Amino acid sequence: MTQILRLSLVYALLDRSTGIEAGHLESAVAVWAYAERSARFIFGDSTGNRHADALRRLLRRERTMTREDVRKELGIRHASELDEICDLLVALGYATVGRGGPGPQGGRPAVMVRATETT
């Protein structure tokens, strides 16, 4: 939204207008939409993180995985790196993370990574 307002200000300045008008906003929205479509065309639906993209592919197939299985499958050593990957997918709406059923040998519940409908 902020970038659209900045673009509309540029259009208003180019028109030597005293204020931002509806036409300036419409033009800014059109430019922003074009930029988004172009980025999707060029980069597809990549997250920009190779591990996050790999996890998305796994979740499309498996739908639900334990955090430990994700770590092993992706070859991740540090919990912070796995947190970053999961946080990115959650923020983008591709996954949810939460406690599952009982863990191994009835211990603490395993942390589950689940695909969402948009995965």
Protein backbone atom coordinates (compact mmCIF):
# COMPACT_ATOMS: atom_id res chain seq x y z
CA MET A 1 0.00 0.00 0.00
CA THR A 2 2.81 2.40 0.85
CA GLN A 3 4.46 1.84 -2.52
CA ILE A 4 1.17 2.51 -4.30
CA LEU A 5 0.82 5.82 -2.47
CA ARG A 6 4.36 6.76 -3.42
CA LEU A 7 3.68 5.92 -7.06
CA SER A 8 0.47 7.95 -7.02
CA LEU A 9 2.43 10.91 -5.61
CA VAL A 10 4.87 10.63 -8.52
CA TYR A 11 1.95 10.68 -10.97
CA ALA A 12 0.47 13.72 -9.22
CA LEU A 13 3.81 15.53 -9.36
CA LEU A 14 4.20 14.73 -13.05
CA ASP A 15 0.72 16.18 -13.64
CA ARG A 16 1.70 19.24 -11.59
CA SER A 17 -1.40 18.58 -9.53
CA THR A 18 -1.89 20.11 -6.08
CA GLY A 19 -3.03 16.78 -4.69
CA ILE A 20 -3.33 13.08 -5.41
CA GLU A 21 -6.47 12.41 -7.42
CA ALA A 22 -8.35 9.20 -8.17
CA GLY A 23 -6.67 8.87 -11.57
CA HIS A 24 -3.24 8.98 -9.96
CA LEU A 25 -4.21 6.20 -7.55
CA GLU A 26 -5.72 4.10 -10.34
CA SER A 27 -2.54 4.44 -12.38
CA ALA A 28 -0.38 3.50 -9.41
CA VAL A 29 -2.51 0.43 -8.68
CA ALA A 30 -2.23 -0.62 -12.34
CA VAL A 31 1.57 -0.28 -12.30
CA TRP A 32 1.82 -2.24 -9.05
CA ALA A 33 -0.43 -5.03 -10.37
CA TYR A 34 1.70 -5.22 -13.53
CA ALA A 35 4.87 -5.49 -11.45
CA GLU A 36 3.38 -8.31 -9.36
CA ARG A 37 2.25 -10.24 -12.45
CA SER A 38 5.69 -9.79 -14.00
CA ALA A 39 7.44 -11.08 -10.88
CA ARG A 40 5.18 -14.14 -10.77
CA PHE A 41 5.82 -14.80 -14.45
CA ILE A 42 9.59 -14.54 -14.01
CA PHE A 43 10.00 -16.27 -10.65
CA GLY A 44 6.89 -18.45 -10.44
CA ASP A 45 5.70 -19.11 -6.91
CA SER A 46 9.20 -19.48 -5.49
CA THR A 47 9.69 -18.25 -1.94
CA GLY A 48 13.30 -17.28 -2.60
CA ASN A 49 14.51 -19.84 -0.06
CA ARG A 50 15.57 -23.19 -1.53
CA HIS A 51 14.76 -25.12 1.65
CA ALA A 52 11.33 -23.51 1.94
CA ASP A 53 10.62 -24.38 -1.69
CA ALA A 54 11.75 -27.96 -1.06
CA LEU A 55 9.51 -28.19 2.01
CA ARG A 56 6.56 -26.91 -0.04
CA ARG A 57 7.15 -29.68 -2.56
CA LEU A 58 7.30 -32.24 0.26
CA LEU A 59 4.11 -30.92 1.83
CA ARG A 60 2.28 -31.10 -1.49
CA ARG A 61 3.02 -34.82 -1.46
CA GLU A 62 2.90 -35.66 2.25
CA ARG A 63 0.44 -32.96 3.49
CA THR A 64 1.66 -33.39 7.12
CA MET A 65 5.13 -34.09 8.49
CA THR A 66 6.75 -33.99 11.88
CA ARG A 67 9.30 -31.26 12.39
CA GLU A 68 11.92 -33.94 12.93
CA ASP A 69 11.07 -35.61 9.60
CA VAL A 70 11.34 -32.23 7.85
CA ARG A 71 14.75 -31.63 9.42
CA LYS A 72 16.02 -35.05 8.31
CA GLU A 73 14.52 -34.83 4.83
CA LEU A 74 16.01 -31.39 4.12
CA GLY A 75 19.33 -32.10 5.87
CA ILE A 76 18.96 -29.15 8.23
CA ARG A 77 21.24 -29.13 11.27
CA HIS A 78 20.20 -26.02 13.18
CA ALA A 79 16.80 -25.51 14.77
CA SER A 80 16.96 -21.79 14.03
CA GLU A 81 17.25 -22.49 10.30
CA LEU A 82 14.23 -24.80 10.45
CA ASP A 83 12.33 -22.15 12.42
CA GLU A 84 13.11 -19.60 9.71
CA ILE A 85 11.87 -21.92 6.95
CA CYS A 86 8.68 -22.80 8.80
CA ASP A 87 8.03 -19.16 9.75
CA LEU A 88 8.38 -18.13 6.10
CA LEU A 89 5.88 -20.75 4.90
CA VAL A 90 3.46 -19.84 7.68
CA ALA A 91 3.75 -16.12 6.87
CA LEU A 92 3.05 -16.84 3.19
CA GLY A 93 0.07 -19.00 4.11
CA TYR A 94 1.55 -22.24 2.73
CA ALA A 95 1.83 -24.14 6.02
CA THR A 96 0.78 -24.28 9.65
CA VAL A 97 2.88 -25.49 12.56
CA GLY A 98 1.47 -26.95 15.77
CA ARG A 99 1.49 -29.83 18.21
CA GLY A 100 0.27 -33.18 16.97
CA GLY A 101 -0.70 -36.38 18.71
CA PRO A 102 1.44 -38.18 21.26
CA GLY A 103 5.12 -38.30 20.50
CA PRO A 104 7.27 -41.40 20.28
CA GLN A 105 6.82 -43.76 23.27
CA GLY A 106 3.90 -41.62 24.48
CA GLY A 107 6.14 -38.64 25.25
CA ARG A 108 5.66 -34.98 24.49
CA PRO A 109 3.50 -34.35 21.39
CA ALA A 110 5.46 -33.98 18.17
CA VAL A 111 5.51 -30.62 16.39
CA MET A 112 3.72 -31.03 13.07
CA VAL A 113 4.12 -29.04 9.86
CA ARG A 114 0.94 -29.15 7.79
CA ALA A 115 0.19 -27.98 4.28
CA THR A 116 -2.58 -25.46 3.77
CA GLU A 117 -4.92 -25.38 0.80
CA THR A 118 -2.68 -22.85 -0.99
CA THR A 119 0.42 -25.06 -0.81
